[in-house]
Every structure is written in C-alpha cells, then in structure tokens.
Protein backbone atom coordinates (compact mmCIF):
# COMPACT_ATOMS: atom_id res chain seq x y z
CA UNK A 1 76.27 41.32 109.41
CA UNK A 2 79.45 40.08 111.08
CA UNK A 3 82.17 42.08 112.84
CA UNK A 4 84.39 41.35 109.83
CA UNK A 5 81.81 42.95 107.52
CA UNK A 6 81.58 46.03 109.75
CA UNK A 7 85.37 46.39 109.86
CA UNK A 8 85.60 46.01 106.05
CA UNK A 9 82.87 48.58 105.42
CA UNK A 10 84.43 51.11 107.80
CA UNK A 11 87.84 50.61 106.16
CA UNK A 12 86.37 51.31 102.72
CA UNK A 13 84.11 54.18 103.82
CA UNK A 14 86.92 55.98 105.67
CA UNK A 15 89.56 55.05 103.05
CA UNK A 16 91.85 53.54 105.69
CA UNK A 17 94.96 51.51 104.90
CA UNK A 18 96.04 48.58 107.06
CA UNK A 19 98.88 50.55 108.66
CA UNK A 20 96.43 53.33 109.59
CA UNK A 21 94.11 50.79 111.25
CA UNK A 22 97.08 49.41 113.23
CA UNK A 23 97.90 52.97 114.41
CA UNK A 24 94.26 53.59 115.35
CA UNK A 25 94.28 50.43 117.47
CA UNK A 26 97.53 51.58 119.11
CA UNK A 27 95.71 54.73 120.30
CA UNK A 28 93.83 52.50 122.74
CA UNK A 29 96.91 50.41 123.57
CA UNK A 30 95.79 47.44 121.47
CA UNK A 31 98.61 45.85 119.51
CA UNK A 32 97.98 43.89 116.32
CA UNK A 33 100.19 43.14 113.32
CA UNK A 34 99.29 43.95 109.73
CA UNK A 35 99.23 40.23 108.89
CA UNK A 36 96.81 39.49 111.75
CA UNK A 37 94.65 42.37 110.56
CA UNK A 38 94.73 41.08 106.98
CA UNK A 39 93.18 37.79 108.14
CA UNK A 40 89.97 39.69 109.00
CA UNK A 41 89.65 41.00 105.44
CA UNK A 42 89.95 37.62 103.72
CA UNK A 43 87.00 35.65 102.34
CA UNK A 44 85.37 33.24 104.80
CA UNK A 45 86.44 30.18 102.82
CA UNK A 46 90.13 31.20 102.82
CA UNK A 47 92.32 28.94 105.03
CA UNK A 48 93.85 31.93 106.89
CA UNK A 49 90.52 33.71 107.51
CA UNK A 50 89.92 34.78 111.12
CA UNK A 51 86.75 36.05 112.74
CA UNK A 52 86.96 39.56 114.13
CA UNK A 53 86.01 39.34 117.78
CA UNK A 54 83.97 41.85 119.73
CA UNK A 55 87.04 43.05 121.63
CA UNK A 56 88.94 43.94 118.45
CA UNK A 57 85.99 45.76 116.90
CA UNK A 58 85.28 47.60 120.18
CA UNK A 59 88.90 48.72 120.47
CA UNK A 60 88.94 49.80 116.83
CA UNK A 61 85.79 51.90 117.31
CA UNK A 62 87.18 53.49 120.49
CA UNK A 63 90.45 54.24 118.71
CA UNK A 64 88.56 55.65 115.74
CA UNK A 65 86.79 58.13 118.02
CA UNK A 66 90.16 59.30 119.36
CA UNK A 67 91.59 59.42 115.82
CA UNK A 68 88.73 61.55 114.49
CA UNK A 69 87.89 63.73 117.53
CA UNK A 70 91.07 63.72 119.57
CA UNK A 71 91.55 62.45 123.13
CA UNK A 72 88.97 63.17 125.80
CA UNK A 73 89.80 66.14 128.01
CA UNK A 74 90.67 65.35 131.61
CA UNK A 75 87.88 65.70 134.17
CA UNK A 76 87.25 69.29 135.13
CA UNK A 77 88.72 70.77 131.92
CA UNK A 78 85.57 70.63 129.81
CA UNK A 79 83.60 73.48 131.37
CA UNK A 80 86.46 75.70 132.54
CA UNK A 81 86.84 79.11 131.01
CA UNK A 82 90.30 80.59 130.75
CA UNK A 83 90.71 83.76 132.75
CA UNK A 84 92.56 86.49 130.91
CA UNK A 85 94.87 88.73 132.95
C-alpha cells in the first residue's frame, strides 16, 4: 500500500474535501495548493500523477491529530488542577 493509497483511504473514511486537507496541513505549518494535492489522488498512469512522499503524509497525520483532538497543552498544564478561591 502506497502513501497515496493511505491518503486516499483517509480522505474517503473521514469524508474530507481537498480544501479541508489543505487546512489540516496548515495546522502544522505545511503549505500545499489544492492542485498539488489533487495530483496525489490521480491514477498512477495519469501524466500529472505525483507520489505522496513520507513528509507530506507525516505532516497530514500530525495535522489530523490536531484537527481531531485539538492542540497539545503546554508543558506543565496537563496535570494541574485549578484552585478555586
């Protein structure tokens, strides 16, 4: 299974549109255009097909975690209890 296949399957499973994937990648400061993204979803024999590299898939997965869970809390915030006055 290629990175392109993984990206396609996640897009379908999570019902994501191309503009949503671009926004998810922006959450991790990775910029990509919708046309560049569309090249990953083409058939392998298409002249404008591009392979999805490890870096793009890794950034998408990291952005997806932020998109679904929210950003990580800063160090020291996780275990603190708020003191009520």
